[in-house]
Amino acid sequence: MKPHKLDLRAVAKKQADDLLELARSMWSEDEALSRRYVHVARQLAMRHRVHLDPRAYCKACGVPYVSATLKVRQDRANQTVLYACRKCYTQRRIPYTRKTERSAQAGLDRQPGSTKIRRFKKQKE
């Protein structure tokens, strides 16, 4: 990838994060403007192929997650955190794992479902 592309991605990520933070701060004053900031941040991230934090906004209605619009529950059986939007009642499950002593020493931070199974064909002799 060209060096200037990496710089554009970093700038786009910073601007999108700033817009999401601005949307959270503006939520109590103007809901429509706050949703617009989230919409612009999503467009910017999609255009430059940058990932946004899934815990920052509701994908369904475009509301930034603030304490008035968010309900969080932890599901230990499935190792997920449930984010529920209080505007449109959409629920999202985001996986998590706790760091164990062994994985911290080895430097492993593995998310559930992120392991890839590789199958090799037997070579003919």
N, C-alpha and C. Protein backbone atom coordinates (compact mmCIF):
# COMPACT_ATOMS: atom_id res chain seq x y z
N MET A 1 0.84 -1.17 0.00
CA MET A 1 0.00 0.00 0.00
C MET A 1 0.89 1.24 0.00
N LYS A 2 0.45 2.27 -0.64
CA LYS A 2 1.24 3.49 -0.73
C LYS A 2 1.32 4.17 0.63
N PRO A 3 2.43 4.84 0.92
CA PRO A 3 2.58 5.47 2.24
C PRO A 3 1.54 6.55 2.52
N HIS A 4 1.14 7.29 1.51
CA HIS A 4 0.17 8.35 1.75
C HIS A 4 -1.22 7.78 2.07
N LYS A 5 -1.52 6.57 1.61
CA LYS A 5 -2.79 5.91 1.94
C LYS A 5 -2.87 5.62 3.43
N LEU A 6 -1.76 5.19 4.02
CA LEU A 6 -1.74 4.90 5.44
C LEU A 6 -1.97 6.17 6.25
N ASP A 7 -1.40 7.26 5.79
CA ASP A 7 -1.59 8.54 6.48
C ASP A 7 -3.05 8.97 6.40
N LEU A 8 -3.68 8.79 5.24
CA LEU A 8 -5.08 9.16 5.09
C LEU A 8 -5.98 8.32 6.00
N ARG A 9 -5.64 7.04 6.13
CA ARG A 9 -6.43 6.18 7.02
C ARG A 9 -6.31 6.62 8.47
N ALA A 10 -5.12 6.99 8.88
CA ALA A 10 -4.91 7.44 10.26
C ALA A 10 -5.68 8.73 10.53
N VAL A 11 -5.67 9.63 9.56
CA VAL A 11 -6.39 10.89 9.71
C VAL A 11 -7.90 10.63 9.73
N ALA A 12 -8.36 9.73 8.87
CA ALA A 12 -9.79 9.41 8.83
C ALA A 12 -10.24 8.76 10.14
N LYS A 13 -9.42 7.88 10.69
CA LYS A 13 -9.75 7.24 11.97
C LYS A 13 -9.85 8.28 13.08
N LYS A 14 -8.91 9.21 13.11
CA LYS A 14 -8.91 10.27 14.13
C LYS A 14 -10.15 11.15 13.99
N GLN A 15 -10.49 11.52 12.77
CA GLN A 15 -11.65 12.39 12.55
C GLN A 15 -12.95 11.66 12.90
N ALA A 16 -13.05 10.38 12.56
CA ALA A 16 -14.25 9.62 12.88
C ALA A 16 -14.40 9.47 14.40
N ASP A 17 -13.31 9.21 15.10
CA ASP A 17 -13.36 9.11 16.55
C ASP A 17 -13.75 10.45 17.19
N ASP A 18 -13.23 11.53 16.64
CA ASP A 18 -13.59 12.86 17.15
C ASP A 18 -15.08 13.15 16.93
N LEU A 19 -15.59 12.76 15.76
CA LEU A 19 -17.01 12.97 15.48
C LEU A 19 -17.90 12.15 16.42
N LEU A 20 -17.49 10.92 16.73
CA LEU A 20 -18.27 10.11 17.66
C LEU A 20 -18.24 10.70 19.06
N GLU A 21 -17.10 11.22 19.46
CA GLU A 21 -17.00 11.85 20.78
C GLU A 21 -17.86 13.12 20.83
N LEU A 22 -17.87 13.88 19.75
CA LEU A 22 -18.70 15.07 19.66
C LEU A 22 -20.18 14.71 19.67
N ALA A 23 -20.53 13.60 19.03
CA ALA A 23 -21.92 13.14 19.02
C ALA A 23 -22.37 12.77 20.43
N ARG A 24 -21.49 12.13 21.20
CA ARG A 24 -21.84 11.77 22.58
C ARG A 24 -22.05 13.01 23.44
N SER A 25 -21.22 14.02 23.23
CA SER A 25 -21.35 15.22 24.06
C SER A 25 -22.56 16.07 23.66
N MET A 26 -22.98 15.99 22.39
CA MET A 26 -24.10 16.80 21.91
C MET A 26 -25.45 16.13 22.11
N TRP A 27 -25.48 14.88 22.57
CA TRP A 27 -26.73 14.13 22.63
C TRP A 27 -27.78 14.80 23.50
N SER A 28 -27.41 15.34 24.63
CA SER A 28 -28.39 15.94 25.54
C SER A 28 -28.94 17.27 24.99
N GLU A 29 -28.18 17.94 24.15
CA GLU A 29 -28.61 19.24 23.61
C GLU A 29 -29.42 19.12 22.32
N ASP A 30 -28.91 18.33 21.37
CA ASP A 30 -29.57 18.23 20.06
C ASP A 30 -29.42 16.81 19.52
N GLU A 31 -30.49 16.02 19.59
CA GLU A 31 -30.43 14.63 19.16
C GLU A 31 -30.22 14.48 17.66
N ALA A 32 -30.86 15.33 16.88
CA ALA A 32 -30.74 15.23 15.42
C ALA A 32 -29.31 15.53 14.97
N LEU A 33 -28.69 16.52 15.55
CA LEU A 33 -27.31 16.86 15.20
C LEU A 33 -26.36 15.73 15.63
N SER A 34 -26.64 15.14 16.76
CA SER A 34 -25.83 14.04 17.25
C SER A 34 -25.91 12.83 16.30
N ARG A 35 -27.10 12.52 15.82
CA ARG A 35 -27.26 11.42 14.85
C ARG A 35 -26.54 11.74 13.55
N ARG A 36 -26.57 12.98 13.16
CA ARG A 36 -25.87 13.40 11.93
C ARG A 36 -24.37 13.20 12.07
N TYR A 37 -23.82 13.52 13.25
CA TYR A 37 -22.39 13.30 13.48
C TYR A 37 -22.03 11.83 13.38
N VAL A 38 -22.89 10.96 13.91
CA VAL A 38 -22.64 9.52 13.82
C VAL A 38 -22.71 9.08 12.36
N HIS A 39 -23.67 9.60 11.61
CA HIS A 39 -23.82 9.25 10.20
C HIS A 39 -22.57 9.66 9.41
N VAL A 40 -22.08 10.85 9.64
CA VAL A 40 -20.89 11.33 8.93
C VAL A 40 -19.66 10.51 9.32
N ALA A 41 -19.55 10.15 10.60
CA ALA A 41 -18.41 9.34 11.06
C ALA A 41 -18.44 7.97 10.40
N ARG A 42 -19.63 7.38 10.27
CA ARG A 42 -19.74 6.07 9.62
C ARG A 42 -19.38 6.16 8.14
N GLN A 43 -19.85 7.20 7.46
CA GLN A 43 -19.52 7.37 6.04
C GLN A 43 -18.01 7.53 5.85
N LEU A 44 -17.39 8.32 6.71
CA LEU A 44 -15.95 8.55 6.64
C LEU A 44 -15.18 7.24 6.87
N ALA A 45 -15.63 6.48 7.82
CA ALA A 45 -14.96 5.20 8.11
C ALA A 45 -15.14 4.20 6.98
N MET A 46 -16.32 4.16 6.37
CA MET A 46 -16.54 3.25 5.26
C MET A 46 -15.73 3.66 4.03
N ARG A 47 -15.64 4.94 3.78
CA ARG A 47 -14.92 5.43 2.61
C ARG A 47 -13.44 5.08 2.69
N HIS A 48 -12.86 5.18 3.89
CA HIS A 48 -11.43 4.93 4.05
C HIS A 48 -11.13 3.56 4.64
N ARG A 49 -12.17 2.71 4.77
CA ARG A 49 -12.03 1.34 5.27
C ARG A 49 -11.34 1.31 6.63
N VAL A 50 -11.92 2.06 7.54
CA VAL A 50 -11.41 2.14 8.91
C VAL A 50 -12.47 1.56 9.83
N HIS A 51 -12.05 0.80 10.83
CA HIS A 51 -12.99 0.20 11.78
C HIS A 51 -13.30 1.18 12.90
N LEU A 52 -14.58 1.25 13.23
CA LEU A 52 -15.02 2.06 14.37
C LEU A 52 -15.31 1.14 15.54
N ASP A 53 -15.31 1.69 16.72
CA ASP A 53 -15.60 0.93 17.93
C ASP A 53 -17.08 0.52 17.90
N PRO A 54 -17.38 -0.78 17.98
CA PRO A 54 -18.79 -1.20 17.93
C PRO A 54 -19.58 -0.80 19.16
N ARG A 55 -18.89 -0.38 20.22
CA ARG A 55 -19.58 0.03 21.44
C ARG A 55 -19.85 1.53 21.46
N ALA A 56 -19.63 2.23 20.35
CA ALA A 56 -19.77 3.68 20.33
C ALA A 56 -21.15 4.15 19.88
N TYR A 57 -21.84 3.35 19.06
CA TYR A 57 -23.12 3.80 18.51
C TYR A 57 -24.00 2.60 18.17
N CYS A 58 -25.29 2.85 18.01
CA CYS A 58 -26.24 1.82 17.59
C CYS A 58 -26.25 1.78 16.07
N LYS A 59 -26.01 0.60 15.50
CA LYS A 59 -25.99 0.47 14.05
C LYS A 59 -27.37 0.66 13.44
N ALA A 60 -28.41 0.32 14.18
CA ALA A 60 -29.76 0.34 13.62
C ALA A 60 -30.31 1.76 13.50
N CYS A 61 -30.17 2.56 14.55
CA CYS A 61 -30.81 3.88 14.53
C CYS A 61 -29.82 5.05 14.53
N GLY A 62 -28.53 4.78 14.67
CA GLY A 62 -27.54 5.84 14.59
C GLY A 62 -27.40 6.68 15.84
N VAL A 63 -27.85 6.18 16.97
CA VAL A 63 -27.75 6.91 18.23
C VAL A 63 -26.41 6.62 18.88
N PRO A 64 -25.68 7.63 19.32
CA PRO A 64 -24.45 7.35 20.06
C PRO A 64 -24.79 6.76 21.42
N TYR A 65 -24.02 5.77 21.84
CA TYR A 65 -24.28 5.16 23.14
C TYR A 65 -23.79 6.08 24.26
N VAL A 66 -24.72 6.62 25.00
CA VAL A 66 -24.44 7.34 26.22
C VAL A 66 -25.26 6.66 27.31
N SER A 67 -25.09 7.06 28.55
CA SER A 67 -25.75 6.34 29.64
C SER A 67 -27.28 6.36 29.52
N ALA A 68 -27.84 7.38 28.88
CA ALA A 68 -29.30 7.46 28.74
C ALA A 68 -29.83 6.54 27.65
N THR A 69 -28.98 6.11 26.73
CA THR A 69 -29.44 5.31 25.60
C THR A 69 -28.88 3.90 25.60
N LEU A 70 -28.24 3.48 26.68
CA LEU A 70 -27.53 2.20 26.68
C LEU A 70 -27.85 1.39 27.92
N LYS A 71 -28.00 0.10 27.71
CA LYS A 71 -28.18 -0.85 28.80
C LYS A 71 -27.22 -2.00 28.55
N VAL A 72 -26.33 -2.28 29.50
CA VAL A 72 -25.29 -3.28 29.31
C VAL A 72 -25.51 -4.43 30.26
N ARG A 73 -25.41 -5.65 29.73
CA ARG A 73 -25.48 -6.86 30.54
C ARG A 73 -24.35 -7.79 30.15
N GLN A 74 -23.90 -8.57 31.11
CA GLN A 74 -22.83 -9.51 30.85
C GLN A 74 -23.39 -10.93 30.88
N ASP A 75 -23.09 -11.69 29.84
CA ASP A 75 -23.54 -13.07 29.75
C ASP A 75 -22.31 -13.96 29.85
N ARG A 76 -22.13 -14.58 31.00
CA ARG A 76 -20.92 -15.37 31.22
C ARG A 76 -20.94 -16.70 30.49
N ALA A 77 -22.11 -17.26 30.26
CA ALA A 77 -22.19 -18.55 29.58
C ALA A 77 -21.67 -18.45 28.15
N ASN A 78 -22.05 -17.40 27.45
CA ASN A 78 -21.63 -17.23 26.06
C ASN A 78 -20.42 -16.32 25.93
N GLN A 79 -19.92 -15.80 27.04
CA GLN A 79 -18.80 -14.87 27.06
C GLN A 79 -19.04 -13.68 26.14
N THR A 80 -20.18 -13.05 26.33
CA THR A 80 -20.52 -11.87 25.54
C THR A 80 -21.01 -10.75 26.46
N VAL A 81 -20.94 -9.54 25.95
CA VAL A 81 -21.53 -8.39 26.61
C VAL A 81 -22.69 -7.95 25.73
N LEU A 82 -23.86 -7.80 26.31
CA LEU A 82 -25.06 -7.45 25.57
C LEU A 82 -25.26 -5.93 25.66
N TYR A 83 -25.27 -5.26 24.53
CA TYR A 83 -25.54 -3.83 24.46
C TYR A 83 -26.95 -3.67 23.90
N ALA A 84 -27.82 -3.00 24.64
CA ALA A 84 -29.21 -2.82 24.22
C ALA A 84 -29.48 -1.32 24.08
N CYS A 85 -29.93 -0.91 22.91
CA CYS A 85 -30.27 0.48 22.65
C CYS A 85 -31.65 0.76 23.24
N ARG A 86 -31.79 1.85 23.95
CA ARG A 86 -33.07 2.18 24.56
C ARG A 86 -33.96 3.01 23.63
N LYS A 87 -33.46 3.36 22.48
CA LYS A 87 -34.28 4.10 21.50
C LYS A 87 -35.02 3.15 20.57
N CYS A 88 -34.30 2.20 19.98
CA CYS A 88 -34.92 1.31 19.00
C CYS A 88 -35.01 -0.14 19.51
N TYR A 89 -34.50 -0.41 20.71
CA TYR A 89 -34.56 -1.72 21.35
C TYR A 89 -33.78 -2.80 20.59
N THR A 90 -32.77 -2.40 19.87
CA THR A 90 -31.90 -3.35 19.18
C THR A 90 -30.85 -3.84 20.16
N GLN A 91 -30.53 -5.13 20.08
CA GLN A 91 -29.52 -5.70 20.97
C GLN A 91 -28.33 -6.17 20.15
N ARG A 92 -27.14 -5.94 20.70
CA ARG A 92 -25.91 -6.40 20.06
C ARG A 92 -25.11 -7.19 21.08
N ARG A 93 -24.55 -8.29 20.65
CA ARG A 93 -23.69 -9.10 21.51
C ARG A 93 -22.25 -8.97 21.01
N ILE A 94 -21.39 -8.55 21.91
CA ILE A 94 -19.98 -8.38 21.57
C ILE A 94 -19.17 -9.35 22.42
N PRO A 95 -18.36 -10.24 21.82
CA PRO A 95 -17.62 -11.23 22.58
C PRO A 95 -16.48 -10.62 23.38
N TYR A 96 -16.13 -11.30 24.46
CA TYR A 96 -15.00 -10.88 25.28
C TYR A 96 -14.35 -12.12 25.88
N THR A 97 -13.13 -11.97 26.31
CA THR A 97 -12.46 -12.99 27.11
C THR A 97 -11.71 -12.29 28.21
N ARG A 98 -11.57 -12.96 29.31
CA ARG A 98 -10.78 -12.42 30.41
C ARG A 98 -9.34 -12.85 30.22
N LYS A 99 -8.42 -11.98 30.61
CA LYS A 99 -7.02 -12.34 30.52
C LYS A 99 -6.67 -13.24 31.69
N THR A 100 -6.11 -14.37 31.37
CA THR A 100 -5.66 -15.26 32.42
C THR A 100 -4.18 -15.02 32.66
N GLU A 101 -3.69 -15.56 33.75
CA GLU A 101 -2.29 -15.35 34.09
C GLU A 101 -1.38 -15.97 33.04
N ARG A 102 -1.76 -17.16 32.56
CA ARG A 102 -0.94 -17.84 31.57
C ARG A 102 -0.92 -17.07 30.24
N SER A 103 -2.08 -16.58 29.80
CA SER A 103 -2.11 -15.86 28.52
C SER A 103 -1.43 -14.51 28.63
N ALA A 104 -1.46 -13.91 29.82
CA ALA A 104 -0.78 -12.63 29.99
C ALA A 104 0.73 -12.81 29.91
N GLN A 105 1.24 -13.92 30.47
CA GLN A 105 2.67 -14.18 30.41
C GLN A 105 3.11 -14.49 28.99
N ALA A 106 2.28 -15.22 28.26
CA ALA A 106 2.63 -15.59 26.90
C ALA A 106 2.37 -14.46 25.90
N GLY A 107 1.64 -13.45 26.33
CA GLY A 107 1.32 -12.35 25.43
C GLY A 107 0.17 -12.67 24.50
N LEU A 108 -0.68 -13.61 24.89
CA LEU A 108 -1.79 -14.02 24.04
C LEU A 108 -3.05 -13.29 24.48
N ASP A 109 -3.69 -12.61 23.58
CA ASP A 109 -4.98 -11.97 23.82
C ASP A 109 -5.92 -12.49 22.75
N ARG A 110 -6.52 -13.63 22.98
CA ARG A 110 -7.32 -14.30 21.97
C ARG A 110 -8.80 -14.05 22.21
N GLN A 111 -9.50 -13.66 21.17
CA GLN A 111 -10.94 -13.48 21.23
C GLN A 111 -11.60 -14.79 20.85
N PRO A 112 -12.77 -15.11 21.45
CA PRO A 112 -13.43 -16.35 21.06
C PRO A 112 -13.89 -16.27 19.61
N GLY A 113 -13.71 -17.36 18.90
CA GLY A 113 -14.12 -17.40 17.51
C GLY A 113 -13.09 -16.86 16.55
N SER A 114 -11.95 -16.39 17.08
CA SER A 114 -10.96 -15.81 16.19
C SER A 114 -9.92 -16.82 15.71
N THR A 115 -9.98 -18.04 16.25
CA THR A 115 -9.01 -19.04 15.81
C THR A 115 -9.42 -19.58 14.46
N LYS A 116 -8.44 -19.81 13.65
CA LYS A 116 -8.70 -20.36 12.32
C LYS A 116 -8.26 -21.81 12.31
N ILE A 117 -9.08 -22.64 11.72
CA ILE A 117 -8.75 -24.05 11.59
C ILE A 117 -8.15 -24.26 10.21
N ARG A 118 -6.95 -24.74 10.20
CA ARG A 118 -6.28 -24.98 8.93
C ARG A 118 -6.19 -26.49 8.72
N ARG A 119 -6.62 -26.92 7.58
CA ARG A 119 -6.55 -28.34 7.25
C ARG A 119 -5.60 -28.52 6.08
N PHE A 120 -4.68 -29.42 6.28
CA PHE A 120 -3.71 -29.68 5.25
C PHE A 120 -4.05 -31.00 4.58
N LYS A 121 -3.85 -31.03 3.28
CA LYS A 121 -4.07 -32.26 2.54
C LYS A 121 -2.88 -33.18 2.72
N LYS A 122 -3.17 -34.46 2.79
CA LYS A 122 -2.09 -35.43 2.90
C LYS A 122 -1.37 -35.50 1.57
N GLN A 123 -0.06 -35.50 1.66
CA GLN A 123 0.71 -35.59 0.43
C GLN A 123 0.81 -37.05 0.00
N LYS A 124 0.70 -37.23 -1.29
CA LYS A 124 0.80 -38.60 -1.83
C LYS A 124 2.27 -39.00 -1.86
N GLU A 125 2.49 -40.24 -1.45
CA GLU A 125 3.87 -40.72 -1.42
C GLU A 125 4.18 -41.57 -2.60
